[in-house]
């Protein structure tokens, strides 16, 4: 597995000899893709007023996934490529472990939570469209190994599945049960 990871990294990363235009493009993506995702979500909040609560809850869940990924990375402690000398340092970045990738974890969680909702599917596709070049850029600049991204994608997908499962449980069982209990209390007290 590690041989495959290193082979993929060396095939995709700049290492110590980046192509100048490609490096500029990668750094541009790293700098601005997050803002583009936020702008996309702002448009969603504006254009889909009936989905505002859902969007806020999805964003809160995404923040929790991000926190989870950071804590898992600290617990596992796998270094980033630039920390091992496999790549030059192309931008300021904290020297902390990168497995799983927080960007991949939160990005895939956000995209999948949006994609499962038909009314928010286009937003999910937009997030995915911005996520792919972001993840490439993070490998190219030596911030992540491909395995970091794969682990982040798996964590994000699993968290999205749990989130959607909890939502379905809420809608199907808990909310009706609480409503029935409320009705019984209102009727029983008179």
N, C-alpha and C. Protein backbone atom coordinates (compact mmCIF):
# COMPACT_ATOMS: atom_id res chain seq x y z
N UNK A 1 0.82 -1.20 0.00
CA UNK A 1 0.00 0.00 0.00
C UNK A 1 0.87 1.26 0.00
N UNK A 2 1.92 1.26 0.83
CA UNK A 2 2.75 2.45 0.90
C UNK A 2 3.51 2.68 -0.40
N UNK A 3 3.91 1.58 -1.09
CA UNK A 3 4.59 1.73 -2.39
C UNK A 3 3.67 2.41 -3.39
N UNK A 4 2.40 1.99 -3.42
CA UNK A 4 1.43 2.60 -4.32
C UNK A 4 1.23 4.07 -3.96
N UNK A 5 1.11 4.35 -2.69
CA UNK A 5 0.93 5.73 -2.22
C UNK A 5 2.10 6.60 -2.67
N UNK A 6 3.32 6.13 -2.48
CA UNK A 6 4.50 6.90 -2.88
C UNK A 6 4.60 7.03 -4.39
N UNK A 7 4.26 5.97 -5.12
CA UNK A 7 4.29 6.05 -6.58
C UNK A 7 3.30 7.09 -7.09
N UNK A 8 2.09 7.08 -6.54
CA UNK A 8 1.08 8.06 -6.94
C UNK A 8 1.51 9.47 -6.56
N UNK A 9 2.10 9.60 -5.39
CA UNK A 9 2.56 10.92 -4.96
C UNK A 9 3.63 11.45 -5.92
N UNK A 10 4.64 10.63 -6.21
CA UNK A 10 5.72 11.08 -7.10
C UNK A 10 5.21 11.38 -8.51
N UNK A 11 4.16 10.69 -8.94
CA UNK A 11 3.60 10.95 -10.27
C UNK A 11 2.82 12.26 -10.31
N UNK A 12 2.22 12.66 -9.18
CA UNK A 12 1.33 13.83 -9.17
C UNK A 12 1.94 15.08 -8.55
N UNK A 13 2.97 14.93 -7.75
CA UNK A 13 3.49 16.06 -6.99
C UNK A 13 4.61 16.80 -7.71
N UNK A 14 4.79 18.04 -7.33
CA UNK A 14 5.86 18.86 -7.90
C UNK A 14 7.22 18.41 -7.38
N UNK A 15 7.24 17.88 -6.16
CA UNK A 15 8.51 17.51 -5.56
C UNK A 15 9.39 18.73 -5.37
N UNK A 16 10.62 18.66 -5.87
CA UNK A 16 11.55 19.78 -5.74
C UNK A 16 11.76 20.51 -7.05
N UNK A 17 11.01 20.11 -8.09
CA UNK A 17 11.19 20.74 -9.41
C UNK A 17 9.83 21.02 -10.05
N UNK A 18 9.09 21.99 -9.50
CA UNK A 18 7.76 22.26 -10.05
C UNK A 18 7.81 22.94 -11.41
N UNK A 19 6.78 22.71 -12.17
CA UNK A 19 6.58 23.49 -13.39
C UNK A 19 5.99 24.82 -12.93
N UNK A 20 6.57 25.92 -13.34
CA UNK A 20 6.21 27.24 -12.80
C UNK A 20 4.73 27.55 -12.95
N UNK A 21 4.18 27.37 -14.14
CA UNK A 21 2.76 27.71 -14.35
C UNK A 21 1.85 26.78 -13.57
N UNK A 22 2.23 25.51 -13.48
CA UNK A 22 1.41 24.54 -12.73
C UNK A 22 1.43 24.89 -11.25
N UNK A 23 2.58 25.27 -10.74
CA UNK A 23 2.67 25.67 -9.33
C UNK A 23 1.81 26.90 -9.06
N UNK A 24 1.86 27.88 -9.94
CA UNK A 24 1.02 29.08 -9.78
C UNK A 24 -0.46 28.68 -9.76
N UNK A 25 -0.86 27.78 -10.66
CA UNK A 25 -2.25 27.33 -10.71
C UNK A 25 -2.63 26.60 -9.42
N UNK A 26 -1.74 25.72 -8.94
CA UNK A 26 -2.03 24.97 -7.71
C UNK A 26 -2.18 25.91 -6.52
N UNK A 27 -1.28 26.87 -6.41
CA UNK A 27 -1.35 27.82 -5.29
C UNK A 27 -2.60 28.69 -5.39
N UNK A 28 -2.99 29.06 -6.60
CA UNK A 28 -4.22 29.83 -6.80
C UNK A 28 -5.43 29.02 -6.33
N UNK A 29 -5.48 27.75 -6.70
CA UNK A 29 -6.60 26.88 -6.30
C UNK A 29 -6.64 26.75 -4.78
N UNK A 30 -5.49 26.51 -4.17
CA UNK A 30 -5.45 26.38 -2.71
C UNK A 30 -5.94 27.67 -2.04
N UNK A 31 -5.56 28.79 -2.58
CA UNK A 31 -5.92 30.08 -1.99
C UNK A 31 -7.40 30.42 -2.13
N UNK A 32 -7.99 30.11 -3.29
CA UNK A 32 -9.32 30.65 -3.59
C UNK A 32 -10.46 29.64 -3.69
N UNK A 33 -10.18 28.36 -3.74
CA UNK A 33 -11.27 27.38 -3.89
C UNK A 33 -12.22 27.40 -2.69
N UNK A 34 -11.67 27.56 -1.49
CA UNK A 34 -12.52 27.62 -0.30
C UNK A 34 -13.49 28.79 -0.35
N UNK A 35 -13.01 29.92 -0.84
CA UNK A 35 -13.88 31.09 -0.98
C UNK A 35 -14.96 30.84 -2.03
N UNK A 36 -14.59 30.13 -3.08
CA UNK A 36 -15.57 29.80 -4.12
C UNK A 36 -16.66 28.88 -3.57
N UNK A 37 -16.29 27.93 -2.71
CA UNK A 37 -17.30 27.06 -2.08
C UNK A 37 -18.22 27.89 -1.20
N UNK A 38 -17.65 28.80 -0.43
CA UNK A 38 -18.49 29.67 0.42
C UNK A 38 -19.43 30.53 -0.42
N UNK A 39 -18.94 31.04 -1.52
CA UNK A 39 -19.79 31.84 -2.41
C UNK A 39 -20.91 30.98 -2.99
N UNK A 40 -20.59 29.77 -3.36
CA UNK A 40 -21.60 28.83 -3.88
C UNK A 40 -22.68 28.56 -2.83
N UNK A 41 -22.26 28.34 -1.59
CA UNK A 41 -23.23 28.09 -0.52
C UNK A 41 -24.05 29.35 -0.21
N UNK A 42 -23.44 30.52 -0.30
CA UNK A 42 -24.18 31.77 -0.09
C UNK A 42 -25.27 31.92 -1.15
N UNK A 43 -24.93 31.58 -2.38
CA UNK A 43 -25.94 31.60 -3.45
C UNK A 43 -27.05 30.61 -3.13
N UNK A 44 -26.69 29.44 -2.64
CA UNK A 44 -27.70 28.46 -2.26
C UNK A 44 -28.62 28.97 -1.16
N UNK A 45 -28.03 29.63 -0.16
CA UNK A 45 -28.85 30.21 0.91
C UNK A 45 -29.80 31.27 0.38
N UNK A 46 -29.35 32.03 -0.58
CA UNK A 46 -30.16 33.10 -1.15
C UNK A 46 -31.23 32.55 -2.09
N UNK A 47 -30.86 31.60 -2.95
CA UNK A 47 -31.77 31.10 -3.98
C UNK A 47 -32.72 30.01 -3.48
N UNK A 48 -32.40 29.39 -2.36
CA UNK A 48 -33.22 28.29 -1.84
C UNK A 48 -33.68 28.61 -0.42
N UNK A 49 -34.58 29.59 -0.26
CA UNK A 49 -34.98 29.98 1.10
C UNK A 49 -35.62 28.83 1.88
N UNK A 50 -36.28 27.91 1.21
CA UNK A 50 -36.88 26.77 1.90
C UNK A 50 -35.87 25.76 2.41
N UNK A 51 -34.63 25.89 1.97
CA UNK A 51 -33.57 24.94 2.36
C UNK A 51 -32.54 25.57 3.29
N UNK A 52 -32.81 26.76 3.77
CA UNK A 52 -31.82 27.46 4.60
C UNK A 52 -31.47 26.70 5.87
N UNK A 53 -32.46 26.17 6.56
CA UNK A 53 -32.17 25.42 7.78
C UNK A 53 -31.34 24.18 7.46
N UNK A 54 -31.71 23.49 6.41
CA UNK A 54 -30.95 22.30 6.00
C UNK A 54 -29.51 22.68 5.68
N UNK A 55 -29.31 23.77 4.94
CA UNK A 55 -27.95 24.20 4.60
C UNK A 55 -27.14 24.55 5.85
N UNK A 56 -27.76 25.23 6.79
CA UNK A 56 -27.06 25.57 8.03
C UNK A 56 -26.69 24.30 8.79
N UNK A 57 -27.61 23.34 8.87
CA UNK A 57 -27.31 22.08 9.56
C UNK A 57 -26.21 21.30 8.85
N UNK A 58 -26.23 21.30 7.53
CA UNK A 58 -25.18 20.63 6.75
C UNK A 58 -23.83 21.30 7.01
N UNK A 59 -23.81 22.61 7.08
CA UNK A 59 -22.56 23.32 7.37
C UNK A 59 -22.05 23.01 8.77
N UNK A 60 -22.96 22.93 9.73
CA UNK A 60 -22.55 22.57 11.10
C UNK A 60 -21.99 21.16 11.14
N UNK A 61 -22.64 20.23 10.45
CA UNK A 61 -22.14 18.86 10.38
C UNK A 61 -20.78 18.81 9.71
N UNK A 62 -20.57 19.62 8.69
CA UNK A 62 -19.28 19.68 7.99
C UNK A 62 -18.20 20.20 8.93
N UNK A 63 -18.53 21.17 9.75
CA UNK A 63 -17.55 21.67 10.72
C UNK A 63 -17.16 20.58 11.72
N UNK A 64 -18.12 19.77 12.12
CA UNK A 64 -17.82 18.66 13.04
C UNK A 64 -16.91 17.63 12.36
N UNK A 65 -17.16 17.35 11.10
CA UNK A 65 -16.31 16.42 10.35
C UNK A 65 -14.88 16.96 10.29
N UNK A 66 -14.75 18.24 10.04
CA UNK A 66 -13.43 18.87 9.98
C UNK A 66 -12.69 18.72 11.31
N UNK A 67 -13.38 18.97 12.38
CA UNK A 67 -12.79 18.82 13.71
C UNK A 67 -12.38 17.38 13.97
N UNK A 68 -13.24 16.45 13.57
CA UNK A 68 -12.96 15.04 13.75
C UNK A 68 -11.71 14.64 12.96
N UNK A 69 -11.61 15.09 11.71
CA UNK A 69 -10.46 14.75 10.88
C UNK A 69 -9.16 15.29 11.49
N UNK A 70 -9.20 16.51 11.99
CA UNK A 70 -8.00 17.09 12.60
C UNK A 70 -7.56 16.30 13.82
N UNK A 71 -8.52 15.89 14.64
CA UNK A 71 -8.19 15.12 15.84
C UNK A 71 -7.69 13.72 15.51
N UNK A 72 -8.27 13.10 14.49
CA UNK A 72 -7.78 11.79 14.06
C UNK A 72 -6.35 11.92 13.54
N UNK A 73 -6.10 12.95 12.74
CA UNK A 73 -4.76 13.17 12.20
C UNK A 73 -3.74 13.36 13.33
N UNK A 74 -4.11 14.12 14.34
CA UNK A 74 -3.19 14.31 15.48
C UNK A 74 -2.94 13.01 16.21
N UNK A 75 -3.98 12.18 16.35
CA UNK A 75 -3.83 10.90 17.05
C UNK A 75 -2.98 9.92 16.25
N UNK A 76 -3.13 9.89 14.93
CA UNK A 76 -2.38 8.94 14.10
C UNK A 76 -0.95 9.44 13.88
N UNK A 77 -0.80 10.70 13.55
CA UNK A 77 0.52 11.30 13.46
C UNK A 77 1.32 11.05 12.20
N UNK A 78 0.68 10.66 11.08
CA UNK A 78 1.43 10.47 9.83
C UNK A 78 1.88 11.83 9.29
N UNK A 79 3.16 11.98 9.01
CA UNK A 79 3.65 13.28 8.52
C UNK A 79 3.23 13.56 7.08
N UNK A 80 3.27 14.84 6.73
CA UNK A 80 2.98 15.28 5.37
C UNK A 80 4.24 15.11 4.51
N UNK A 81 4.08 15.07 3.19
CA UNK A 81 5.25 14.90 2.32
C UNK A 81 6.35 15.94 2.53
N UNK A 82 5.98 17.21 2.67
CA UNK A 82 7.01 18.23 2.86
C UNK A 82 7.75 18.06 4.17
N UNK A 83 7.10 17.44 5.16
CA UNK A 83 7.74 17.19 6.44
C UNK A 83 8.80 16.10 6.33
N UNK A 84 8.66 15.23 5.32
CA UNK A 84 9.61 14.14 5.09
C UNK A 84 10.68 14.52 4.07
N UNK A 85 10.63 15.75 3.57
CA UNK A 85 11.61 16.19 2.59
C UNK A 85 11.32 15.70 1.17
N UNK A 86 10.11 15.18 0.93
CA UNK A 86 9.75 14.69 -0.40
C UNK A 86 9.30 15.82 -1.32
N UNK A 87 9.13 16.99 -0.77
CA UNK A 87 8.67 18.15 -1.53
C UNK A 87 9.21 19.40 -0.87
N UNK A 88 9.42 20.40 -1.68
CA UNK A 88 9.77 21.71 -1.12
C UNK A 88 8.53 22.28 -0.42
N UNK A 89 8.72 23.30 0.38
CA UNK A 89 7.60 23.97 1.03
C UNK A 89 7.20 25.15 0.13
N UNK A 90 6.01 25.04 -0.46
CA UNK A 90 5.58 26.05 -1.43
C UNK A 90 4.65 27.10 -0.84
N UNK A 91 4.16 26.88 0.36
CA UNK A 91 3.33 27.86 1.04
C UNK A 91 3.42 27.60 2.53
N UNK A 92 3.15 28.63 3.31
CA UNK A 92 3.18 28.46 4.76
C UNK A 92 2.09 27.48 5.17
N UNK A 93 2.49 26.49 5.95
CA UNK A 93 1.52 25.52 6.44
C UNK A 93 2.02 25.01 7.78
N UNK A 94 1.10 24.78 8.68
CA UNK A 94 1.47 24.25 9.98
C UNK A 94 2.12 22.88 9.82
N UNK A 95 3.09 22.62 10.66
CA UNK A 95 3.75 21.32 10.64
C UNK A 95 2.98 20.40 11.59
N UNK A 96 1.94 19.80 11.03
CA UNK A 96 1.12 18.86 11.79
C UNK A 96 0.72 17.73 10.84
N UNK A 97 0.34 16.60 11.40
CA UNK A 97 0.01 15.44 10.56
C UNK A 97 -1.13 15.73 9.58
N UNK A 98 -1.13 14.98 8.47
CA UNK A 98 -2.12 15.24 7.42
C UNK A 98 -2.98 14.05 7.04
N UNK A 99 -3.01 12.99 7.86
CA UNK A 99 -3.80 11.80 7.54
C UNK A 99 -4.86 11.60 8.61
N UNK A 100 -6.12 11.70 8.25
CA UNK A 100 -6.72 11.95 6.94
C UNK A 100 -6.73 13.45 6.62
N UNK A 101 -6.87 13.75 5.36
CA UNK A 101 -6.94 15.14 4.92
C UNK A 101 -8.23 15.78 5.43
N UNK A 102 -8.09 16.90 6.12
CA UNK A 102 -9.26 17.63 6.59
C UNK A 102 -10.05 18.19 5.41
N UNK A 103 -9.34 18.67 4.38
CA UNK A 103 -10.04 19.19 3.21
C UNK A 103 -10.86 18.10 2.52
N UNK A 104 -10.28 16.92 2.36
CA UNK A 104 -11.02 15.82 1.72
C UNK A 104 -12.19 15.38 2.60
N UNK A 105 -11.96 15.26 3.90
CA UNK A 105 -13.02 14.82 4.81
C UNK A 105 -14.21 15.77 4.79
N UNK A 106 -13.94 17.04 5.02
CA UNK A 106 -15.05 18.00 5.08
C UNK A 106 -15.63 18.25 3.69
N UNK A 107 -14.80 18.27 2.66
CA UNK A 107 -15.30 18.50 1.30
C UNK A 107 -16.22 17.39 0.82
N UNK A 108 -15.80 16.14 1.01
CA UNK A 108 -16.66 15.03 0.59
C UNK A 108 -17.91 14.93 1.46
N UNK A 109 -17.79 15.19 2.75
CA UNK A 109 -18.98 15.16 3.61
C UNK A 109 -19.98 16.21 3.14
N UNK A 110 -19.51 17.42 2.90
CA UNK A 110 -20.39 18.49 2.44
C UNK A 110 -21.03 18.13 1.10
N UNK A 111 -20.21 17.70 0.15
CA UNK A 111 -20.74 17.37 -1.18
C UNK A 111 -21.78 16.25 -1.10
N UNK A 112 -21.47 15.18 -0.36
CA UNK A 112 -22.41 14.05 -0.30
C UNK A 112 -23.69 14.42 0.44
N UNK A 113 -23.58 15.23 1.50
CA UNK A 113 -24.81 15.64 2.21
C UNK A 113 -25.70 16.50 1.32
N UNK A 114 -25.10 17.25 0.41
CA UNK A 114 -25.89 18.05 -0.52
C UNK A 114 -26.43 17.19 -1.67
N UNK A 115 -25.61 16.27 -2.15
CA UNK A 115 -26.00 15.45 -3.30
C UNK A 115 -27.21 14.55 -3.02
N UNK A 116 -27.39 14.12 -1.77
CA UNK A 116 -28.52 13.21 -1.47
C UNK A 116 -29.85 13.96 -1.39
N UNK A 117 -29.81 15.27 -1.43
CA UNK A 117 -31.03 16.07 -1.38
C UNK A 117 -31.30 16.63 -2.78
N UNK A 118 -32.34 16.16 -3.45
CA UNK A 118 -32.59 16.58 -4.84
C UNK A 118 -32.60 18.10 -5.02
N UNK A 119 -33.13 18.83 -4.07
CA UNK A 119 -33.21 20.28 -4.21
C UNK A 119 -31.86 20.97 -4.02
N UNK A 120 -30.86 20.25 -3.51
CA UNK A 120 -29.53 20.82 -3.28
C UNK A 120 -28.45 20.11 -4.10
N UNK A 121 -28.87 19.24 -5.00
CA UNK A 121 -27.93 18.42 -5.77
C UNK A 121 -26.95 19.27 -6.60
N UNK A 122 -27.45 20.34 -7.21
CA UNK A 122 -26.55 21.19 -8.00
C UNK A 122 -25.45 21.82 -7.14
N UNK A 123 -25.80 22.20 -5.93
CA UNK A 123 -24.77 22.73 -5.01
C UNK A 123 -23.73 21.65 -4.72
N UNK A 124 -24.19 20.42 -4.49
CA UNK A 124 -23.28 19.31 -4.23
C UNK A 124 -22.34 19.07 -5.40
N UNK A 125 -22.87 19.14 -6.60
CA UNK A 125 -22.02 18.97 -7.79
C UNK A 125 -21.00 20.11 -7.89
N UNK A 126 -21.44 21.32 -7.55
CA UNK A 126 -20.51 22.46 -7.55
C UNK A 126 -19.40 22.28 -6.53
N UNK A 127 -19.75 21.78 -5.35
CA UNK A 127 -18.73 21.53 -4.33
C UNK A 127 -17.74 20.48 -4.83
N UNK A 128 -18.25 19.41 -5.43
CA UNK A 128 -17.36 18.37 -5.98
C UNK A 128 -16.46 18.94 -7.07
N UNK A 129 -17.02 19.79 -7.92
CA UNK A 129 -16.24 20.39 -9.01
C UNK A 129 -15.10 21.25 -8.47
N UNK A 130 -15.29 21.87 -7.33
CA UNK A 130 -14.23 22.67 -6.71
C UNK A 130 -13.29 21.82 -5.87
N UNK A 131 -13.79 20.70 -5.36
CA UNK A 131 -13.00 19.84 -4.50
C UNK A 131 -11.90 19.11 -5.27
N UNK A 132 -12.21 18.65 -6.46
CA UNK A 132 -11.24 17.86 -7.23
C UNK A 132 -9.95 18.65 -7.49
N UNK A 133 -10.00 19.87 -8.03
CA UNK A 133 -8.73 20.60 -8.22
C UNK A 133 -8.06 20.98 -6.89
N UNK A 134 -8.85 21.18 -5.86
CA UNK A 134 -8.27 21.50 -4.55
C UNK A 134 -7.42 20.35 -4.05
N UNK A 135 -7.95 19.15 -4.15
CA UNK A 135 -7.21 17.99 -3.65
C UNK A 135 -5.98 17.72 -4.51
N UNK A 136 -6.10 17.89 -5.82
CA UNK A 136 -4.93 17.75 -6.69
C UNK A 136 -3.85 18.76 -6.26
N UNK A 137 -4.25 19.99 -6.03
CA UNK A 137 -3.29 21.04 -5.68
C UNK A 137 -2.59 20.74 -4.36
N UNK A 138 -3.29 20.12 -3.45
CA UNK A 138 -2.69 19.82 -2.15
C UNK A 138 -1.66 18.69 -2.26
N UNK A 139 -1.87 17.78 -3.20
CA UNK A 139 -0.84 16.76 -3.47
C UNK A 139 0.32 17.40 -4.24
N UNK A 140 0.01 18.18 -5.25
CA UNK A 140 1.05 18.79 -6.09
C UNK A 140 2.03 19.62 -5.25
N UNK A 141 1.50 20.33 -4.26
CA UNK A 141 2.36 21.21 -3.44
C UNK A 141 2.96 20.50 -2.23
N UNK A 142 2.81 19.20 -2.14
CA UNK A 142 3.44 18.44 -1.07
C UNK A 142 2.76 18.52 0.28
N UNK A 143 1.51 18.95 0.29
CA UNK A 143 0.78 19.02 1.57
C UNK A 143 0.16 17.68 1.95
N UNK A 144 -0.10 16.83 0.95
CA UNK A 144 -0.75 15.54 1.24
C UNK A 144 -0.23 14.44 0.33
N UNK A 145 -0.32 13.25 0.86
CA UNK A 145 -0.14 12.04 0.07
C UNK A 145 -1.52 11.64 -0.48
N UNK A 146 -1.56 10.87 -1.56
CA UNK A 146 -2.85 10.37 -2.05
C UNK A 146 -3.63 9.59 -0.98
N UNK A 147 -2.93 8.83 -0.13
CA UNK A 147 -3.63 8.06 0.92
C UNK A 147 -4.36 8.99 1.89
N UNK A 148 -3.81 10.19 2.12
CA UNK A 148 -4.47 11.17 3.00
C UNK A 148 -5.83 11.56 2.43
N UNK A 149 -5.85 11.75 1.10
CA UNK A 149 -7.09 12.13 0.42
C UNK A 149 -8.09 10.98 0.42
N UNK A 150 -7.60 9.77 0.17
CA UNK A 150 -8.49 8.61 0.16
C UNK A 150 -9.11 8.38 1.54
N UNK A 151 -8.30 8.51 2.58
CA UNK A 151 -8.83 8.36 3.94
C UNK A 151 -9.82 9.47 4.27
N UNK A 152 -9.52 10.68 3.83
CA UNK A 152 -10.44 11.80 4.04
C UNK A 152 -11.75 11.60 3.31
N UNK A 153 -11.68 11.12 2.08
CA UNK A 153 -12.90 10.85 1.31
C UNK A 153 -13.74 9.79 2.01
N UNK A 154 -13.10 8.74 2.51
CA UNK A 154 -13.84 7.68 3.21
C UNK A 154 -14.47 8.21 4.50
N UNK A 155 -13.72 9.00 5.25
CA UNK A 155 -14.26 9.58 6.48
C UNK A 155 -15.42 10.52 6.16
N UNK A 156 -15.26 11.36 5.15
CA UNK A 156 -16.33 12.28 4.77
C UNK A 156 -17.58 11.55 4.32
N UNK A 157 -17.41 10.52 3.51
CA UNK A 157 -18.56 9.73 3.04
C UNK A 157 -19.25 9.03 4.20
N UNK A 158 -18.47 8.47 5.12
CA UNK A 158 -19.07 7.79 6.28
C UNK A 158 -19.84 8.77 7.16
N UNK A 159 -19.26 9.93 7.40
CA UNK A 159 -19.94 10.94 8.22
C UNK A 159 -21.20 11.45 7.53
N UNK A 160 -21.15 11.61 6.22
CA UNK A 160 -22.35 12.04 5.48
C UNK A 160 -23.43 10.97 5.59
N UNK A 161 -23.04 9.70 5.48
CA UNK A 161 -24.02 8.61 5.60
C UNK A 161 -24.66 8.60 6.98
N UNK A 162 -23.86 8.79 8.02
CA UNK A 162 -24.41 8.84 9.38
C UNK A 162 -25.35 10.03 9.52
N UNK A 163 -24.95 11.18 9.00
CA UNK A 163 -25.78 12.38 9.08
C UNK A 163 -27.13 12.16 8.39
N UNK A 164 -27.10 11.60 7.20
CA UNK A 164 -28.34 11.35 6.47
C UNK A 164 -29.18 10.30 7.21
N UNK A 165 -28.53 9.29 7.77
CA UNK A 165 -29.26 8.28 8.55
C UNK A 165 -29.94 8.88 9.77
N UNK A 166 -29.24 9.75 10.47
CA UNK A 166 -29.83 10.42 11.65
C UNK A 166 -31.02 11.28 11.21
N UNK A 167 -30.87 11.97 10.10
CA UNK A 167 -31.96 12.81 9.60
C UNK A 167 -33.19 11.95 9.28
N UNK A 168 -32.97 10.82 8.60
CA UNK A 168 -34.10 9.94 8.27
C UNK A 168 -34.74 9.37 9.53
N UNK A 169 -33.92 8.99 10.50
CA UNK A 169 -34.45 8.50 11.78
C UNK A 169 -35.29 9.58 12.45
N UNK A 170 -34.79 10.81 12.43
CA UNK A 170 -35.52 11.93 13.02
C UNK A 170 -36.88 12.11 12.34
N UNK A 171 -36.87 12.14 11.01
CA UNK A 171 -38.11 12.37 10.27
C UNK A 171 -39.10 11.22 10.41
N UNK A 172 -38.60 10.00 10.40
CA UNK A 172 -39.48 8.83 10.38
C UNK A 172 -39.97 8.42 11.76
N UNK A 173 -39.14 8.59 12.78
CA UNK A 173 -39.51 8.04 14.09
C UNK A 173 -39.56 9.07 15.21
N UNK A 174 -38.49 9.80 15.37
CA UNK A 174 -38.39 10.66 16.55
C UNK A 174 -39.34 11.85 16.49
N UNK A 175 -39.39 12.54 15.38
CA UNK A 175 -40.26 13.71 15.27
C UNK A 175 -41.73 13.31 15.44
N UNK A 176 -42.23 12.25 14.75
CA UNK A 176 -43.63 11.86 14.98
C UNK A 176 -43.89 11.41 16.42
N UNK A 177 -42.91 10.73 17.03
CA UNK A 177 -43.09 10.29 18.42
C UNK A 177 -43.18 11.48 19.36
N UNK A 178 -42.33 12.49 19.15
CA UNK A 178 -42.38 13.68 19.98
C UNK A 178 -43.68 14.46 19.76
N UNK A 179 -44.15 14.51 18.53
CA UNK A 179 -45.40 15.20 18.23
C UNK A 179 -46.57 14.48 18.91
N UNK A 180 -46.60 13.15 18.85
CA UNK A 180 -47.67 12.38 19.49
C UNK A 180 -47.63 12.57 21.00
N UNK A 181 -46.46 12.59 21.55
CA UNK A 181 -46.31 12.80 23.00
C UNK A 181 -46.82 14.18 23.39
N UNK A 182 -46.51 15.16 22.56
CA UNK A 182 -46.97 16.54 22.82
C UNK A 182 -48.50 16.61 22.76
N UNK A 183 -49.10 15.91 21.80
CA UNK A 183 -50.56 15.89 21.66
C UNK A 183 -51.18 15.22 22.88
N UNK A 184 -50.60 14.10 23.35
CA UNK A 184 -51.12 13.42 24.53
C UNK A 184 -51.04 14.30 25.76
N UNK A 185 -49.96 15.03 25.92
CA UNK A 185 -49.82 15.92 27.07
C UNK A 185 -50.86 17.03 27.02
N UNK A 186 -51.06 17.59 25.84
CA UNK A 186 -52.03 18.68 25.70
C UNK A 186 -53.45 18.17 25.96
N UNK A 187 -53.75 16.97 25.48
CA UNK A 187 -55.08 16.42 25.68
C UNK A 187 -55.29 15.87 27.09
N UNK A 188 -54.21 15.36 27.71
CA UNK A 188 -54.31 14.76 29.04
C UNK A 188 -54.42 15.77 30.14
N UNK A 189 -54.00 16.98 29.90
CA UNK A 189 -54.02 18.01 30.95
C UNK A 189 -55.32 18.75 31.04
N UNK A 190 -56.29 18.51 30.14
CA UNK A 190 -57.55 19.26 30.17
C UNK A 190 -58.67 18.46 30.71
